[in-house]
Amino acid sequence: MNKPITITFRHVEPRADVVELVHQEGDKLLRQHQRACRCRVVIDQVQRRHQHGNILRAEVILNLPHKQLVAKKSLEAEDASSRMKQVVVEAFRAAQRAVSTYQGRRGRRRAPAPAGLKLAHRLAS
């Protein structure tokens, strides 16, 4: 089943090589977590007062059943197109770390408490 990857460019010009990179990285991410429903990527240039260069930001939003993981990375760049690939790759790396952490948490199970501990807790109350 082909899962959609939505790409949004805000305040920057879309580039074909960045779109291709997002699809490659998104496919890797969706293969890592098979139950993912959707992947959205937002690439934007922050429009606010700043003293040094433009701030370029990439955000990867992965929708899972009953959970939404968001990974954001931002870089300062003189020209938005010069570091667009770098910020996208770093955002996907952060998303992959978030997915592996999420999978690790879900895989962990608590060990049952010893029977004596439960009894001592009841007697203390």
N, C-alpha and C. Protein backbone atom coordinates (compact mmCIF):
# COMPACT_ATOMS: atom_id res chain seq x y z
N MET A 1 0.83 -1.17 0.00
CA MET A 1 0.00 0.00 0.00
C MET A 1 0.89 1.24 0.00
N ASN A 2 0.64 2.15 -0.90
CA ASN A 2 1.41 3.36 -1.02
C ASN A 2 0.83 4.43 -0.10
N LYS A 3 1.64 4.88 0.85
CA LYS A 3 1.17 5.88 1.81
C LYS A 3 1.57 7.27 1.32
N PRO A 4 0.69 8.24 1.45
CA PRO A 4 0.98 9.56 0.90
C PRO A 4 2.01 10.34 1.73
N ILE A 5 2.84 11.06 1.00
CA ILE A 5 3.79 11.99 1.61
C ILE A 5 3.42 13.37 1.07
N THR A 6 3.00 14.26 1.95
CA THR A 6 2.58 15.60 1.56
C THR A 6 3.71 16.57 1.84
N ILE A 7 4.04 17.39 0.86
CA ILE A 7 5.12 18.37 1.00
C ILE A 7 4.54 19.77 0.84
N THR A 8 4.86 20.64 1.79
CA THR A 8 4.40 22.03 1.74
C THR A 8 5.62 22.95 1.82
N PHE A 9 5.71 23.87 0.89
CA PHE A 9 6.76 24.89 0.90
C PHE A 9 6.11 26.21 1.29
N ARG A 10 6.66 26.86 2.31
CA ARG A 10 6.14 28.17 2.73
C ARG A 10 7.27 29.20 2.64
N HIS A 11 7.02 30.25 1.92
CA HIS A 11 7.96 31.37 1.78
C HIS A 11 9.29 30.97 1.12
N VAL A 12 9.34 29.81 0.48
CA VAL A 12 10.51 29.39 -0.31
C VAL A 12 10.00 28.79 -1.61
N GLU A 13 10.85 28.84 -2.62
CA GLU A 13 10.49 28.26 -3.92
C GLU A 13 10.67 26.75 -3.89
N PRO A 14 9.70 25.99 -4.37
CA PRO A 14 9.85 24.52 -4.44
C PRO A 14 10.95 24.14 -5.41
N ARG A 15 11.72 23.12 -5.05
CA ARG A 15 12.78 22.62 -5.91
C ARG A 15 12.57 21.14 -6.14
N ALA A 16 12.80 20.70 -7.37
CA ALA A 16 12.57 19.30 -7.74
C ALA A 16 13.51 18.35 -6.99
N ASP A 17 14.77 18.75 -6.80
CA ASP A 17 15.70 17.86 -6.10
C ASP A 17 15.34 17.69 -4.63
N VAL A 18 14.78 18.74 -4.02
CA VAL A 18 14.35 18.64 -2.62
C VAL A 18 13.10 17.76 -2.52
N VAL A 19 12.20 17.88 -3.48
CA VAL A 19 10.99 17.04 -3.50
C VAL A 19 11.38 15.58 -3.62
N GLU A 20 12.34 15.28 -4.49
CA GLU A 20 12.81 13.90 -4.66
C GLU A 20 13.46 13.39 -3.37
N LEU A 21 14.26 14.24 -2.73
CA LEU A 21 14.90 13.86 -1.46
C LEU A 21 13.87 13.58 -0.38
N VAL A 22 12.84 14.40 -0.30
CA VAL A 22 11.78 14.20 0.69
C VAL A 22 11.07 12.87 0.45
N HIS A 23 10.80 12.54 -0.81
CA HIS A 23 10.14 11.26 -1.10
C HIS A 23 11.04 10.07 -0.74
N GLN A 24 12.33 10.18 -1.01
CA GLN A 24 13.25 9.08 -0.65
C GLN A 24 13.31 8.90 0.86
N GLU A 25 13.52 9.99 1.58
CA GLU A 25 13.62 9.91 3.04
C GLU A 25 12.28 9.51 3.67
N GLY A 26 11.19 10.00 3.11
CA GLY A 26 9.86 9.65 3.61
C GLY A 26 9.55 8.18 3.43
N ASP A 27 9.94 7.62 2.28
CA ASP A 27 9.72 6.18 2.06
C ASP A 27 10.51 5.35 3.06
N LYS A 28 11.76 5.77 3.35
CA LYS A 28 12.55 5.06 4.36
C LYS A 28 11.87 5.11 5.73
N LEU A 29 11.37 6.28 6.07
CA LEU A 29 10.71 6.47 7.37
C LEU A 29 9.43 5.64 7.45
N LEU A 30 8.65 5.60 6.39
CA LEU A 30 7.41 4.83 6.39
C LEU A 30 7.68 3.33 6.40
N ARG A 31 8.81 2.91 5.83
CA ARG A 31 9.18 1.48 5.91
C ARG A 31 9.60 1.12 7.33
N GLN A 32 10.21 2.08 8.05
CA GLN A 32 10.65 1.82 9.43
C GLN A 32 9.45 1.59 10.34
N HIS A 33 8.38 2.30 10.13
CA HIS A 33 7.18 2.13 10.95
C HIS A 33 6.03 1.79 10.02
N GLN A 34 5.70 0.51 9.92
CA GLN A 34 4.71 0.05 8.96
C GLN A 34 3.30 0.53 9.26
N ARG A 35 3.01 0.87 10.50
CA ARG A 35 1.65 1.28 10.85
C ARG A 35 1.41 2.77 10.68
N ALA A 36 2.40 3.48 10.15
CA ALA A 36 2.24 4.92 9.94
C ALA A 36 1.14 5.16 8.91
N CYS A 37 0.31 6.14 9.19
CA CYS A 37 -0.81 6.45 8.31
C CYS A 37 -0.46 7.50 7.27
N ARG A 38 0.33 8.48 7.67
CA ARG A 38 0.59 9.61 6.79
C ARG A 38 1.87 10.33 7.23
N CYS A 39 2.54 10.93 6.27
CA CYS A 39 3.74 11.71 6.54
C CYS A 39 3.61 13.06 5.86
N ARG A 40 3.74 14.12 6.64
CA ARG A 40 3.69 15.48 6.09
C ARG A 40 5.02 16.16 6.35
N VAL A 41 5.50 16.90 5.37
CA VAL A 41 6.75 17.63 5.50
C VAL A 41 6.48 19.09 5.16
N VAL A 42 6.89 19.98 6.05
CA VAL A 42 6.73 21.42 5.84
C VAL A 42 8.12 22.04 5.82
N ILE A 43 8.44 22.72 4.73
CA ILE A 43 9.71 23.43 4.60
C ILE A 43 9.38 24.90 4.49
N ASP A 44 9.89 25.69 5.43
CA ASP A 44 9.56 27.12 5.36
C ASP A 44 10.73 27.97 5.79
N GLN A 45 10.64 29.23 5.41
CA GLN A 45 11.59 30.23 5.82
C GLN A 45 10.87 31.14 6.80
N VAL A 46 11.41 31.23 7.99
CA VAL A 46 10.75 31.98 9.06
C VAL A 46 10.72 33.46 8.68
N GLN A 47 9.54 34.05 8.79
CA GLN A 47 9.34 35.45 8.44
C GLN A 47 9.21 36.27 9.72
N ARG A 48 10.32 36.65 10.27
CA ARG A 48 10.31 37.50 11.46
C ARG A 48 11.61 38.29 11.51
N ARG A 49 11.71 39.21 12.41
CA ARG A 49 12.92 40.01 12.53
C ARG A 49 14.09 39.15 12.98
N HIS A 50 15.20 39.33 12.33
CA HIS A 50 16.40 38.61 12.71
C HIS A 50 17.62 39.43 12.30
N GLN A 51 18.75 39.16 12.92
CA GLN A 51 19.95 39.93 12.65
C GLN A 51 20.91 39.23 11.70
N HIS A 52 20.94 37.92 11.72
CA HIS A 52 21.91 37.17 10.92
C HIS A 52 21.21 36.17 10.02
N GLY A 53 21.23 36.39 8.73
CA GLY A 53 20.74 35.41 7.77
C GLY A 53 19.27 35.06 7.94
N ASN A 54 18.82 34.17 7.11
CA ASN A 54 17.44 33.70 7.14
C ASN A 54 17.38 32.36 7.86
N ILE A 55 16.33 32.14 8.57
CA ILE A 55 16.16 30.88 9.29
C ILE A 55 15.30 29.96 8.44
N LEU A 56 15.86 28.83 8.08
CA LEU A 56 15.18 27.84 7.27
C LEU A 56 14.78 26.69 8.18
N ARG A 57 13.53 26.26 8.10
CA ARG A 57 13.02 25.24 9.02
C ARG A 57 12.36 24.11 8.24
N ALA A 58 12.58 22.89 8.70
CA ALA A 58 11.91 21.71 8.13
C ALA A 58 11.22 20.99 9.28
N GLU A 59 10.01 20.55 9.02
CA GLU A 59 9.19 19.88 10.03
C GLU A 59 8.62 18.61 9.42
N VAL A 60 8.84 17.48 10.09
CA VAL A 60 8.31 16.19 9.64
C VAL A 60 7.24 15.77 10.64
N ILE A 61 6.03 15.57 10.14
CA ILE A 61 4.89 15.18 10.98
C ILE A 61 4.46 13.79 10.54
N LEU A 62 4.57 12.83 11.43
CA LEU A 62 4.23 11.44 11.11
C LEU A 62 3.01 11.05 11.93
N ASN A 63 1.95 10.69 11.26
CA ASN A 63 0.72 10.26 11.93
C ASN A 63 0.75 8.75 12.11
N LEU A 64 0.64 8.33 13.35
CA LEU A 64 0.58 6.92 13.72
C LEU A 64 -0.79 6.67 14.34
N PRO A 65 -1.18 5.43 14.49
CA PRO A 65 -2.44 5.17 15.17
C PRO A 65 -2.39 5.71 16.61
N HIS A 66 -3.27 6.62 16.94
CA HIS A 66 -3.41 7.19 18.28
C HIS A 66 -2.22 8.05 18.71
N LYS A 67 -1.37 8.46 17.77
CA LYS A 67 -0.18 9.24 18.13
C LYS A 67 0.27 10.06 16.92
N GLN A 68 0.84 11.21 17.18
CA GLN A 68 1.43 12.03 16.13
C GLN A 68 2.82 12.44 16.58
N LEU A 69 3.83 12.07 15.78
CA LEU A 69 5.22 12.42 16.09
C LEU A 69 5.63 13.60 15.22
N VAL A 70 6.26 14.60 15.84
CA VAL A 70 6.69 15.79 15.12
C VAL A 70 8.19 15.98 15.38
N ALA A 71 8.95 16.15 14.29
CA ALA A 71 10.38 16.42 14.38
C ALA A 71 10.66 17.71 13.62
N LYS A 72 11.35 18.65 14.28
CA LYS A 72 11.64 19.95 13.66
C LYS A 72 13.14 20.20 13.70
N LYS A 73 13.64 20.79 12.64
CA LYS A 73 15.03 21.24 12.60
C LYS A 73 15.07 22.57 11.89
N SER A 74 15.95 23.44 12.34
CA SER A 74 16.09 24.74 11.68
C SER A 74 17.57 25.09 11.57
N LEU A 75 17.90 25.80 10.51
CA LEU A 75 19.26 26.24 10.24
C LEU A 75 19.24 27.68 9.81
N GLU A 76 20.32 28.36 10.07
CA GLU A 76 20.46 29.73 9.60
C GLU A 76 21.17 29.67 8.25
N ALA A 77 20.63 30.36 7.25
CA ALA A 77 21.21 30.32 5.91
C ALA A 77 21.13 31.69 5.26
N GLU A 78 22.20 32.07 4.57
CA GLU A 78 22.18 33.33 3.82
C GLU A 78 21.20 33.22 2.66
N ASP A 79 21.24 32.10 1.97
CA ASP A 79 20.35 31.84 0.84
C ASP A 79 19.54 30.60 1.19
N ALA A 80 18.23 30.68 1.09
CA ALA A 80 17.37 29.57 1.52
C ALA A 80 17.63 28.30 0.73
N SER A 81 17.92 28.41 -0.55
CA SER A 81 18.09 27.22 -1.37
C SER A 81 19.41 26.51 -1.11
N SER A 82 20.39 27.21 -0.53
CA SER A 82 21.72 26.61 -0.36
C SER A 82 21.73 25.49 0.69
N ARG A 83 20.93 25.59 1.73
CA ARG A 83 20.97 24.59 2.81
C ARG A 83 19.65 23.85 2.98
N MET A 84 18.80 23.91 1.97
CA MET A 84 17.49 23.28 2.08
C MET A 84 17.60 21.76 2.23
N LYS A 85 18.49 21.14 1.46
CA LYS A 85 18.66 19.68 1.55
C LYS A 85 19.17 19.27 2.94
N GLN A 86 20.11 20.05 3.46
CA GLN A 86 20.69 19.73 4.76
C GLN A 86 19.65 19.77 5.87
N VAL A 87 18.80 20.78 5.88
CA VAL A 87 17.79 20.87 6.94
C VAL A 87 16.75 19.77 6.79
N VAL A 88 16.44 19.36 5.56
CA VAL A 88 15.48 18.26 5.34
C VAL A 88 16.06 16.95 5.86
N VAL A 89 17.31 16.67 5.54
CA VAL A 89 17.95 15.42 5.99
C VAL A 89 18.01 15.38 7.52
N GLU A 90 18.37 16.50 8.14
CA GLU A 90 18.44 16.53 9.61
C GLU A 90 17.07 16.35 10.25
N ALA A 91 16.03 16.89 9.64
CA ALA A 91 14.67 16.72 10.18
C ALA A 91 14.25 15.25 10.07
N PHE A 92 14.57 14.59 8.96
CA PHE A 92 14.22 13.17 8.84
C PHE A 92 15.02 12.31 9.80
N ARG A 93 16.27 12.66 10.06
CA ARG A 93 17.05 11.90 11.07
C ARG A 93 16.41 12.04 12.45
N ALA A 94 15.97 13.24 12.77
CA ALA A 94 15.30 13.45 14.06
C ALA A 94 14.00 12.66 14.11
N ALA A 95 13.28 12.58 12.99
CA ALA A 95 12.03 11.81 12.95
C ALA A 95 12.31 10.32 13.11
N GLN A 96 13.39 9.83 12.50
CA GLN A 96 13.74 8.42 12.66
C GLN A 96 14.10 8.10 14.10
N ARG A 97 14.80 9.02 14.76
CA ARG A 97 15.11 8.82 16.19
C ARG A 97 13.83 8.80 17.02
N ALA A 98 12.90 9.70 16.70
CA ALA A 98 11.63 9.74 17.44
C ALA A 98 10.84 8.46 17.25
N VAL A 99 10.83 7.93 16.02
CA VAL A 99 10.11 6.68 15.75
C VAL A 99 10.75 5.52 16.49
N SER A 100 12.08 5.43 16.48
CA SER A 100 12.72 4.31 17.18
C SER A 100 12.53 4.42 18.69
N THR A 101 12.52 5.64 19.23
CA THR A 101 12.23 5.83 20.65
C THR A 101 10.80 5.42 20.97
N TYR A 102 9.88 5.82 20.12
CA TYR A 102 8.46 5.47 20.31
C TYR A 102 8.27 3.96 20.25
N GLN A 103 8.92 3.30 19.29
CA GLN A 103 8.80 1.85 19.18
C GLN A 103 9.42 1.16 20.39
N GLY A 104 10.52 1.71 20.90
CA GLY A 104 11.16 1.13 22.08
C GLY A 104 10.28 1.24 23.31
N ARG A 105 9.59 2.39 23.45
CA ARG A 105 8.70 2.56 24.59
C ARG A 105 7.52 1.61 24.51
N ARG A 106 6.99 1.44 23.31
CA ARG A 106 5.84 0.56 23.16
C ARG A 106 6.22 -0.90 23.35
N GLY A 107 7.47 -1.27 23.05
CA GLY A 107 7.91 -2.65 23.18
C GLY A 107 8.22 -3.04 24.61
N ARG A 108 8.51 -2.05 25.44
CA ARG A 108 8.86 -2.32 26.83
C ARG A 108 7.62 -2.66 27.63
N ARG A 109 7.74 -3.66 28.45
CA ARG A 109 6.62 -4.01 29.33
C ARG A 109 7.12 -3.98 30.76
N ARG A 110 6.24 -3.58 31.62
CA ARG A 110 6.61 -3.54 33.03
C ARG A 110 6.64 -4.95 33.59
N ALA A 111 7.61 -5.19 34.43
CA ALA A 111 7.68 -6.47 35.11
C ALA A 111 6.64 -6.46 36.22
N PRO A 112 5.96 -7.57 36.43
CA PRO A 112 4.96 -7.59 37.50
C PRO A 112 5.64 -7.41 38.86
N ALA A 113 4.96 -6.70 39.73
CA ALA A 113 5.49 -6.47 41.08
C ALA A 113 5.46 -7.78 41.86
N PRO A 114 6.45 -8.00 42.72
CA PRO A 114 6.44 -9.21 43.54
C PRO A 114 5.20 -9.25 44.43
N ALA A 115 4.72 -10.44 44.70
CA ALA A 115 3.49 -10.61 45.48
C ALA A 115 3.63 -10.03 46.88
N GLY A 116 4.79 -10.16 47.51
CA GLY A 116 5.01 -9.64 48.86
C GLY A 116 4.90 -8.12 48.91
N LEU A 117 5.33 -7.47 47.85
CA LEU A 117 5.27 -6.01 47.79
C LEU A 117 3.82 -5.53 47.74
N LYS A 118 3.00 -6.22 46.99
CA LYS A 118 1.58 -5.85 46.92
C LYS A 118 0.91 -6.01 48.29
N LEU A 119 1.23 -7.09 48.98
CA LEU A 119 0.66 -7.36 50.28
C LEU A 119 1.11 -6.30 51.30
N ALA A 120 2.40 -5.93 51.27
CA ALA A 120 2.91 -4.94 52.21
C ALA A 120 2.26 -3.57 51.94
N HIS A 121 2.01 -3.27 50.70
CA HIS A 121 1.36 -2.00 50.35
C HIS A 121 -0.07 -1.99 50.88
N ARG A 122 -0.77 -3.11 50.79
CA ARG A 122 -2.16 -3.17 51.29
C ARG A 122 -2.20 -3.04 52.80
N LEU A 123 -1.25 -3.65 53.49
CA LEU A 123 -1.23 -3.61 54.96
C LEU A 123 -0.90 -2.20 55.45
N ALA A 124 -0.08 -1.46 54.71
CA ALA A 124 0.30 -0.10 55.13
C ALA A 124 -0.86 0.87 54.98
N SER A 125 -1.79 0.62 54.09
CA SER A 125 -2.89 1.56 53.86
C SER A 125 -3.92 1.50 54.92
